[in-house]
Amino acid sequence: MLTPDPPSSLGNPPPPFTETLALPDMPPEREGRVVPVAPGSAGVDLRACRKILVVKLDFIGDFVLTTPFLGGLRRAAPDAEITLMVLDRVFDLAIPCGLVDRVVAVPAAAEGPLRFGAVTWDGLSAFLRDFQGGFFDLALVPRWDTDFNGATRIAGLSGAPRVVGFSERCTPRKAVENAGLDRYLSIALLDARDCHEVEHTLGMLDALGAARETRLHLDLTDADRHSAADLRHAYFGDPSPPLLAVAPFAAGRRQWPLDRTVDLAARVARRFGMVVVVVGGPDTSAGAEQVAAGIRAEGVDAASSAAVLRLRGNAALIGQAALFIGMDSGPGHIAAALGVPVVIVGVHPHGAAPGHPAAPERFGPWVDPARVLVLRPPGYREPCGDGCEADEPHCILGVTVDDAFAATAAFADTVLSDHP
């Protein structure tokens, strides 16, 4: 049973136009040739491609971490029409992405019919013509580890003559849970490295013969920025004091207790003369109000944006902050992409395996190390070993507020010195 950790949410409006298609049970016969990740190993001429489909069915942070890949692909295929397919919950954030020409949304679906969504009916119809008519020259799946959401299946059924993804043999877990998925691929890239997720997608660029692009890229609209600024000014006045953005929500083992987050945020805000905004989505509104109320009780202004802003508005609000504090979840990656110094309360203990899915060495914010602080438990709690495997907060409870504040204050002293 494929059971990835559920992500936190910032509010995710669904695509306005949708159409459901029945997909074949089996892919057309493909080579499934396994090749190492090496320059040009995929044997693809990107400049000859007219239409490229990128299927990235992961969560908010994963999408942000894929933008260097999209940047390199765009440079290598400047004349191609690039379609990006994302999960419904990422759709709103991906729509303005200037690295692609079209964004399509789907729900997670490893089998059965599939509902496609887009911003306009004309855009959705054009995509369906390309998908059903076999007009894509190339389909790419930049997902290195286990494919939980059917990305490889969709790419394999796209009708593209070439489908490139990562082999089921890349990790032991993937070999078991994605056994047989290589048959959906023309070229299956074998990459056994323990490295950051961005490095894996850059390896795919190497295999495609594209130059590397390492910069995160997150586009927002003027309307997004204005809605965030309006909320900020409504709560805190104009001009407002420096903003501390707090995203206190994560799933399961990644959730630091809310009372500790309240304490840390209040201390930091008082120490640096900041006001606090709590970002969240409709499914976290009660918790956001609890955190905001707790911070107010500590004598610090706070606002909960959950009922006001949608996903991109929350992202824009994060981008206007002088400092961000959050859990190991998507908002931290948004902050990093928008140039905001990031403090993450992480679940992965010091000394635990760097290849674990919770390890910051693998999934931490992709940013200058001087601009990110990951607060980690000093050690694991029994019975955990290589990483926390509990369903509820467990190893993360080893992060104390006193230690977190001392480290955050020292970090902020440095990164806030050059903030306007």
Protein backbone atom coordinates (compact mmCIF):
# COMPACT_ATOMS: atom_id res chain seq x y z
CA MET A 1 0.00 0.00 0.00
CA LEU A 2 1.47 3.35 -1.05
CA THR A 3 1.03 5.72 1.86
CA PRO A 4 3.08 8.94 1.63
CA ASP A 5 2.98 11.45 4.45
CA PRO A 6 0.05 13.83 3.92
CA PRO A 7 1.26 17.41 3.43
CA SER A 8 0.22 20.61 5.10
CA SER A 9 -1.95 23.02 3.14
CA LEU A 10 -2.03 26.74 2.48
CA GLY A 11 -5.44 26.73 0.79
CA ASN A 12 -5.72 25.19 -2.64
CA PRO A 13 -8.56 26.25 -4.96
CA PRO A 14 -9.47 23.54 -7.49
CA PRO A 15 -9.14 24.05 -11.26
CA PRO A 16 -12.29 25.69 -12.64
CA PHE A 17 -12.59 23.53 -15.77
CA THR A 18 -12.28 19.74 -15.68
CA GLU A 19 -12.78 16.71 -17.89
CA THR A 20 -12.53 13.03 -16.95
CA LEU A 21 -10.95 10.48 -19.28
CA ALA A 22 -10.78 6.71 -19.10
CA LEU A 23 -7.15 5.66 -19.55
CA PRO A 24 -5.89 2.31 -20.83
CA ASP A 25 -4.97 -0.31 -18.25
CA MET A 26 -1.59 -0.97 -19.86
CA PRO A 27 0.91 1.32 -21.59
CA PRO A 28 2.01 0.86 -25.18
CA GLU A 29 5.07 -1.31 -25.50
CA ARG A 30 8.10 0.73 -24.50
CA GLU A 31 11.77 -0.12 -24.29
CA GLY A 32 12.22 0.60 -20.59
CA ARG A 33 15.96 0.78 -21.17
CA VAL A 34 17.85 1.46 -17.95
CA VAL A 35 20.77 3.88 -18.35
CA PRO A 36 22.98 5.64 -15.81
CA VAL A 37 22.54 9.32 -15.11
CA ALA A 38 25.33 10.80 -17.22
CA PRO A 39 25.61 13.66 -19.73
CA GLY A 40 23.48 12.84 -22.78
CA SER A 41 22.62 9.31 -21.62
CA ALA A 42 18.90 9.72 -22.40
CA GLY A 43 19.67 10.25 -26.10
CA VAL A 44 17.16 13.09 -26.50
CA ASP A 45 17.49 16.14 -28.76
CA LEU A 46 15.57 18.75 -26.78
CA ARG A 47 15.85 21.40 -29.48
CA ALA A 48 13.97 19.14 -31.88
CA CYS A 49 11.01 18.82 -29.50
CA ARG A 50 7.91 20.86 -30.30
CA LYS A 51 5.77 19.76 -27.34
CA ILE A 52 7.08 18.51 -23.98
CA LEU A 53 4.99 17.17 -21.11
CA VAL A 54 6.42 17.31 -17.56
CA VAL A 55 4.44 15.25 -15.04
CA LYS A 56 5.26 16.34 -11.46
CA LEU A 57 2.62 14.93 -9.11
CA ASP A 58 4.03 15.83 -5.71
CA PHE A 59 3.37 18.44 -3.06
CA ILE A 60 4.03 22.16 -2.69
CA GLY A 61 7.65 21.91 -1.54
CA ASP A 62 8.43 19.31 -4.21
CA PHE A 63 7.10 21.64 -6.90
CA VAL A 64 9.30 24.50 -5.67
CA LEU A 65 12.33 22.19 -5.64
CA THR A 66 11.59 21.21 -9.26
CA THR A 67 11.82 24.77 -10.58
CA PRO A 68 15.59 24.63 -11.22
CA PHE A 69 14.87 21.60 -13.44
CA LEU A 70 12.15 23.53 -15.27
CA GLY A 71 14.52 26.46 -15.71
CA GLY A 72 17.17 24.25 -17.28
CA LEU A 73 14.59 22.56 -19.53
CA ARG A 74 13.27 25.92 -20.69
CA ARG A 75 16.75 27.11 -21.64
CA ALA A 76 17.52 23.87 -23.47
CA ALA A 77 14.23 23.84 -25.39
CA PRO A 78 13.42 27.54 -25.87
CA ASP A 79 10.98 26.99 -28.74
CA ALA A 80 9.08 24.02 -27.31
CA GLU A 81 5.61 24.29 -25.80
CA ILE A 82 6.08 22.90 -22.29
CA THR A 83 3.06 21.58 -20.41
CA LEU A 84 3.42 21.05 -16.67
CA MET A 85 1.06 18.62 -14.95
CA VAL A 86 0.72 18.96 -11.17
CA LEU A 87 -1.56 17.75 -8.40
CA ASP A 88 -4.73 19.75 -7.73
CA ARG A 89 -3.27 21.01 -4.45
CA VAL A 90 -0.28 22.59 -6.24
CA PHE A 91 -2.24 23.96 -9.20
CA ASP A 92 -2.85 27.49 -7.89
CA LEU A 93 0.84 27.99 -7.07
CA ALA A 94 1.99 26.64 -10.44
CA ILE A 95 -0.37 28.64 -12.68
CA PRO A 96 1.84 31.78 -13.01
CA CYS A 97 5.03 29.78 -13.63
CA GLY A 98 6.81 31.56 -16.47
CA LEU A 99 9.03 28.57 -17.23
CA VAL A 100 6.15 26.63 -18.83
CA ASP A 101 3.45 27.43 -21.36
CA ARG A 102 0.54 25.53 -19.85
CA VAL A 103 -0.37 24.06 -16.45
CA VAL A 104 -2.78 21.14 -16.05
CA ALA A 105 -3.98 19.63 -12.77
CA VAL A 106 -4.95 16.10 -11.79
CA PRO A 107 -5.80 14.35 -8.52
CA ALA A 108 -3.61 11.52 -7.29
CA ALA A 109 -4.65 8.39 -9.20
CA ALA A 110 -2.51 5.30 -9.67
CA GLU A 111 -5.28 3.57 -11.65
CA GLY A 112 -8.70 4.13 -13.20
CA PRO A 113 -10.17 7.21 -14.94
CA LEU A 114 -8.43 10.53 -14.48
CA ARG A 115 -9.86 14.03 -14.08
CA PHE A 116 -7.81 16.70 -15.85
CA GLY A 117 -8.24 20.38 -14.96
CA ALA A 118 -7.13 23.76 -16.30
CA VAL A 119 -7.74 27.50 -15.95
CA THR A 120 -9.76 27.81 -19.17
CA TRP A 121 -11.87 25.43 -21.21
CA ASP A 122 -9.90 26.28 -24.36
CA GLY A 123 -6.63 25.45 -22.59
CA LEU A 124 -8.01 22.18 -21.26
CA SER A 125 -9.36 21.21 -24.70
CA ALA A 126 -6.01 21.95 -26.34
CA PHE A 127 -4.22 19.80 -23.77
CA LEU A 128 -6.66 16.91 -24.23
CA ARG A 129 -6.13 17.05 -28.00
CA ASP A 130 -2.36 16.81 -27.48
CA PHE A 131 -2.66 14.05 -24.88
CA GLN A 132 -5.15 11.88 -26.76
CA GLY A 133 -3.68 12.63 -30.19
CA GLY A 134 -0.11 11.67 -29.35
CA PHE A 135 1.22 15.16 -30.13
CA PHE A 136 3.76 15.33 -27.29
CA ASP A 137 7.27 14.59 -28.54
CA LEU A 138 8.61 13.91 -25.05
CA ALA A 139 7.18 13.20 -21.60
CA LEU A 140 9.32 13.61 -18.47
CA VAL A 141 8.79 12.39 -14.90
CA PRO A 142 11.26 14.17 -12.58
CA ARG A 143 10.32 12.05 -9.55
CA TRP A 144 13.31 10.13 -8.18
CA ASP A 145 11.86 8.10 -5.31
CA THR A 146 8.62 6.13 -5.04
CA ASP A 147 5.86 7.39 -7.35
CA PHE A 148 2.79 7.53 -5.10
CA ASN A 149 0.47 9.49 -7.35
CA GLY A 150 0.48 7.90 -10.79
CA ALA A 151 2.90 10.27 -12.55
CA THR A 152 4.76 7.52 -14.42
CA ARG A 153 1.50 5.93 -15.54
CA ILE A 154 0.18 9.21 -16.96
CA ALA A 155 3.42 9.99 -18.79
CA GLY A 156 3.55 6.46 -20.18
CA LEU A 157 0.00 6.76 -21.49
CA SER A 158 0.52 10.22 -23.00
CA GLY A 159 1.29 8.90 -26.49
CA ALA A 160 4.69 10.59 -26.48
CA PRO A 161 7.21 8.50 -28.44
CA ARG A 162 9.81 9.10 -25.74
CA VAL A 163 9.11 8.94 -22.00
CA VAL A 164 12.01 9.56 -19.61
CA GLY A 165 11.88 9.04 -15.85
CA PHE A 166 13.82 7.54 -12.98
CA SER A 167 14.07 3.77 -12.81
CA GLU A 168 12.19 1.73 -10.24
CA ARG A 169 15.66 0.46 -9.26
CA CYS A 170 16.83 3.83 -7.86
CA THR A 171 15.87 3.00 -4.26
CA PRO A 172 15.02 -0.24 -2.45
CA ARG A 173 11.61 1.13 -1.50
CA LYS A 174 10.84 2.12 -5.07
CA ALA A 175 11.91 -1.29 -6.34
CA VAL A 176 9.20 -2.84 -4.19
CA GLU A 177 6.39 -0.30 -4.34
CA ASN A 178 6.86 0.68 -8.00
CA ALA A 179 7.79 -2.74 -9.34
CA GLY A 180 7.00 -2.87 -13.06
CA LEU A 181 6.78 0.90 -13.65
CA ASP A 182 9.88 0.93 -15.85
CA ARG A 183 7.71 -0.58 -18.60
CA TYR A 184 5.97 2.82 -18.88
CA LEU A 185 9.29 4.45 -19.78
CA SER A 186 11.40 4.56 -22.91
CA ILE A 187 14.45 5.52 -20.86
CA ALA A 188 14.70 4.70 -17.15
CA LEU A 189 17.46 6.69 -15.47
CA LEU A 190 19.37 4.86 -12.76
CA ASP A 191 20.56 7.20 -10.02
CA ALA A 192 21.58 5.57 -6.72
CA ARG A 193 23.11 8.70 -5.16
CA ASP A 194 22.23 9.89 -1.67
CA CYS A 195 21.90 13.59 -2.38
CA HIS A 196 19.44 16.47 -2.34
CA GLU A 197 16.30 16.07 -4.43
CA VAL A 198 17.30 19.04 -6.59
CA GLU A 199 20.53 17.23 -7.43
CA HIS A 200 18.53 14.27 -8.73
CA THR A 201 16.51 16.48 -11.08
CA LEU A 202 19.70 18.21 -12.19
CA GLY A 203 20.99 14.73 -12.99
CA MET A 204 17.99 14.30 -15.29
CA LEU A 205 18.96 17.56 -17.00
CA ASP A 206 22.45 16.13 -17.50
CA ALA A 207 20.99 12.98 -19.06
CA LEU A 208 18.84 15.12 -21.37
CA GLY A 209 21.90 17.05 -22.51
CA ALA A 210 20.69 20.29 -20.91
CA ALA A 211 22.77 22.80 -18.98
CA ARG A 212 22.15 22.93 -15.26
CA GLU A 213 20.04 25.66 -13.67
CA THR A 214 20.31 25.83 -9.87
CA ARG A 215 18.12 28.83 -8.98
CA LEU A 216 14.67 28.38 -7.47
CA HIS A 217 11.96 30.12 -9.44
CA LEU A 218 8.55 31.07 -8.03
CA ASP A 219 6.29 33.46 -9.91
CA LEU A 220 3.46 35.41 -8.28
CA THR A 221 1.10 37.97 -9.78
CA ASP A 222 0.67 41.62 -8.85
CA ALA A 223 -2.77 40.70 -7.51
CA ASP A 224 -1.19 38.14 -5.19
CA ARG A 225 1.26 40.68 -3.82
CA HIS A 226 -1.42 43.35 -3.44
CA SER A 227 -3.74 41.02 -1.52
CA ALA A 228 -0.93 40.15 0.88
CA ALA A 229 0.05 43.79 1.31
CA ASP A 230 -3.58 44.77 1.94
CA LEU A 231 -3.88 42.18 4.72
CA ARG A 232 -0.60 43.25 6.24
CA HIS A 233 -1.58 46.92 6.25
CA ALA A 234 -5.09 46.20 7.56
CA TYR A 235 -3.69 44.38 10.59
CA PHE A 236 -0.49 46.28 11.27
CA GLY A 237 -0.79 49.72 9.64
CA ASP A 238 1.19 51.39 6.90
CA PRO A 239 4.12 51.22 7.07
CA SER A 240 4.05 48.09 9.20
CA PRO A 241 6.90 46.86 11.40
CA PRO A 242 9.09 44.02 10.09
CA LEU A 243 7.05 40.88 9.55
CA LEU A 244 7.70 37.46 11.05
CA ALA A 245 5.82 34.83 9.03
CA VAL A 246 4.98 31.68 10.97
CA ALA A 247 3.70 28.51 9.30
CA PRO A 248 3.13 26.19 12.27
CA PHE A 249 1.50 23.23 10.56
CA ALA A 250 2.78 19.90 9.30
CA ALA A 251 1.55 16.33 9.28
CA GLY A 252 2.18 13.59 11.80
CA ARG A 253 5.75 13.29 13.05
CA ARG A 254 6.70 16.64 11.51
CA GLN A 255 4.39 18.67 13.76
CA TRP A 256 6.10 20.56 16.58
CA PRO A 257 3.61 21.30 19.42
CA LEU A 258 1.70 24.51 18.75
CA ASP A 259 2.37 25.89 22.22
CA ARG A 260 6.10 25.67 21.55
CA THR A 261 5.67 27.48 18.24
CA VAL A 262 3.71 30.22 20.01
CA ASP A 263 6.45 30.61 22.61
CA LEU A 264 9.26 30.70 20.03
CA ALA A 265 7.48 33.15 17.71
CA ALA A 266 6.60 35.50 20.58
CA ARG A 267 10.17 35.53 21.88
CA VAL A 268 11.63 36.19 18.43
CA ALA A 269 9.10 38.92 17.67
CA ARG A 270 9.81 40.73 20.95
CA ARG A 271 13.56 40.38 20.55
CA PHE A 272 13.59 41.89 17.04
CA GLY A 273 10.62 44.28 17.18
CA MET A 274 8.52 42.31 14.71
CA VAL A 275 4.84 41.62 14.20
CA VAL A 276 3.64 38.09 13.47
CA VAL A 277 1.43 36.72 10.73
CA VAL A 278 0.27 33.10 10.94
CA VAL A 279 -0.17 31.52 7.50
CA GLY A 280 -2.35 28.52 6.84
CA GLY A 281 -5.25 27.23 4.79
CA PRO A 282 -8.92 26.43 5.37
CA ASP A 283 -8.06 23.04 6.85
CA THR A 284 -5.76 24.65 9.44
CA SER A 285 -7.90 27.68 10.32
CA ALA A 286 -8.69 26.52 13.87
CA GLY A 287 -5.02 25.89 14.61
CA ALA A 288 -4.03 29.20 13.03
CA GLU A 289 -6.46 31.06 15.28
CA GLN A 290 -5.08 29.16 18.29
CA VAL A 291 -1.52 30.17 17.44
CA ALA A 292 -2.50 33.77 16.71
CA ALA A 293 -4.43 34.00 19.97
CA GLY A 294 -1.48 32.56 21.89
CA ILE A 295 0.93 35.06 20.41
CA ARG A 296 -1.43 37.93 21.22
CA ALA A 297 -1.58 36.65 24.79
CA GLU A 298 2.20 37.05 24.85
CA GLY A 299 1.80 40.72 23.98
CA VAL A 300 2.71 40.43 20.27
CA ASP A 301 0.35 41.35 17.42
CA ALA A 302 -0.57 38.48 15.12
CA ALA A 303 -2.95 37.82 12.26
CA SER A 304 -4.36 34.62 10.85
CA SER A 305 -4.61 34.77 7.07
CA ALA A 306 -6.35 31.40 6.72
CA ALA A 307 -9.83 32.78 5.99
CA VAL A 308 -8.56 35.64 3.81
CA LEU A 309 -5.84 34.51 1.42
CA ARG A 310 -5.57 31.57 -0.92
CA LEU A 311 -2.41 29.68 -1.75
CA ARG A 312 -0.61 32.32 -3.81
CA GLY A 313 -1.72 35.11 -1.46
CA ASN A 314 -0.20 33.21 1.45
CA ALA A 315 2.95 32.73 -0.61
CA ALA A 316 3.10 36.46 -1.32
CA LEU A 317 2.63 37.21 2.38
CA ILE A 318 5.54 34.91 3.20
CA GLY A 319 7.60 36.73 0.57
CA GLN A 320 7.02 40.06 2.33
CA ALA A 321 8.41 38.79 5.63
CA ALA A 322 11.79 39.65 7.12
CA LEU A 323 12.03 36.15 8.64
CA PHE A 324 10.15 32.88 8.33
CA ILE A 325 9.65 30.19 10.99
CA GLY A 326 7.94 26.95 10.05
CA MET A 327 7.88 23.19 10.02
CA ASP A 328 9.40 20.79 7.49
CA SER A 329 6.72 21.47 4.88
CA GLY A 330 5.94 23.46 1.75
CA PRO A 331 5.85 27.03 3.16
CA GLY A 332 9.54 26.84 4.08
CA HIS A 333 10.43 26.09 0.47
CA ILE A 334 8.25 29.00 -0.66
CA ALA A 335 10.12 31.31 1.71
CA ALA A 336 13.48 30.11 0.39
CA ALA A 337 12.38 30.64 -3.22
CA LEU A 338 11.28 34.20 -2.41
CA GLY A 339 14.56 35.09 -0.70
CA VAL A 340 13.29 35.13 2.89
CA PRO A 341 15.64 33.79 5.62
CA VAL A 342 14.23 30.46 6.78
CA VAL A 343 14.07 28.74 10.17
CA ILE A 344 12.75 25.16 10.04
CA VAL A 345 11.85 23.01 13.03
CA GLY A 346 12.85 19.62 11.64
CA VAL A 347 12.03 16.09 12.72
CA HIS A 348 15.26 14.41 11.59
CA PRO A 349 17.72 13.95 14.48
CA HIS A 350 21.38 14.94 14.31
CA GLY A 351 23.44 11.96 13.23
CA ALA A 352 20.54 10.10 11.60
CA ALA A 353 20.71 8.79 8.02
CA PRO A 354 21.17 11.59 5.44
CA GLY A 355 19.21 9.60 2.85
CA HIS A 356 16.05 9.41 4.95
CA PRO A 357 12.97 11.15 3.45
CA ALA A 358 12.92 13.57 6.40
CA ALA A 359 16.63 14.43 6.20
CA PRO A 360 17.40 18.09 5.46
CA GLU A 361 20.36 16.84 3.41
CA ARG A 362 17.75 15.46 1.03
CA PHE A 363 14.68 17.71 1.31
CA GLY A 364 15.86 20.85 3.12
CA PRO A 365 15.34 24.30 1.58
CA TRP A 366 17.53 24.72 -1.51
CA VAL A 367 19.20 27.97 -0.57
CA ASP A 368 22.50 29.48 0.52
CA PRO A 369 23.30 27.68 3.81
CA ALA A 370 23.83 31.06 5.44
CA ARG A 371 20.14 31.85 4.82
CA VAL A 372 18.60 28.76 6.41
CA LEU A 373 18.60 27.32 9.93
CA VAL A 374 17.27 23.81 10.54
CA LEU A 375 16.52 23.11 14.19
CA ARG A 376 16.95 19.36 14.74
CA PRO A 377 16.48 17.02 17.69
CA PRO A 378 19.82 16.25 19.37
CA GLY A 379 19.14 12.52 18.96
CA TYR A 380 16.43 10.02 18.15
CA ARG A 381 14.00 8.53 20.64
CA GLU A 382 13.52 4.81 20.96
CA PRO A 383 12.56 2.83 18.96
CA CYS A 384 13.61 5.14 16.08
CA GLY A 385 17.08 4.87 14.60
CA ASP A 386 17.94 6.11 11.09
CA GLY A 387 15.08 8.60 11.29
CA CYS A 388 11.78 9.16 13.03
CA GLU A 389 9.21 6.56 11.99
CA ALA A 390 6.37 7.48 14.38
CA ASP A 391 2.92 8.47 13.16
CA GLU A 392 2.65 11.30 15.69
CA PRO A 393 5.14 13.91 17.01
CA HIS A 394 7.94 11.90 18.59
CA CYS A 395 11.60 12.66 17.88
CA ILE A 396 10.75 16.30 17.12
CA LEU A 397 9.78 16.70 20.79
CA GLY A 398 13.52 16.74 21.51
CA VAL A 399 13.66 20.29 20.10
CA THR A 400 13.17 22.60 23.11
CA VAL A 401 11.97 26.18 22.94
CA ASP A 402 15.02 27.47 24.81
CA ASP A 403 17.44 25.82 22.38
CA ALA A 404 15.33 26.88 19.39
CA PHE A 405 15.24 30.51 20.52
CA ALA A 406 18.97 30.70 21.21
CA ALA A 407 19.80 29.35 17.76
CA THR A 408 17.14 31.44 16.00
CA ALA A 409 18.23 34.67 17.72
CA ALA A 410 21.85 34.13 16.68
CA PHE A 411 20.74 33.32 13.12
CA ALA A 412 18.43 36.35 12.95
CA ASP A 413 21.14 38.68 14.26
CA THR A 414 23.09 37.82 11.13
CA VAL A 415 20.41 37.61 8.41
CA LEU A 416 18.35 40.61 9.54
CA SER A 417 21.32 42.96 9.56
CA ASP A 418 20.99 43.46 5.78
CA HIS A 419 17.19 43.46 5.64
CA PRO A 420 15.69 46.83 4.62
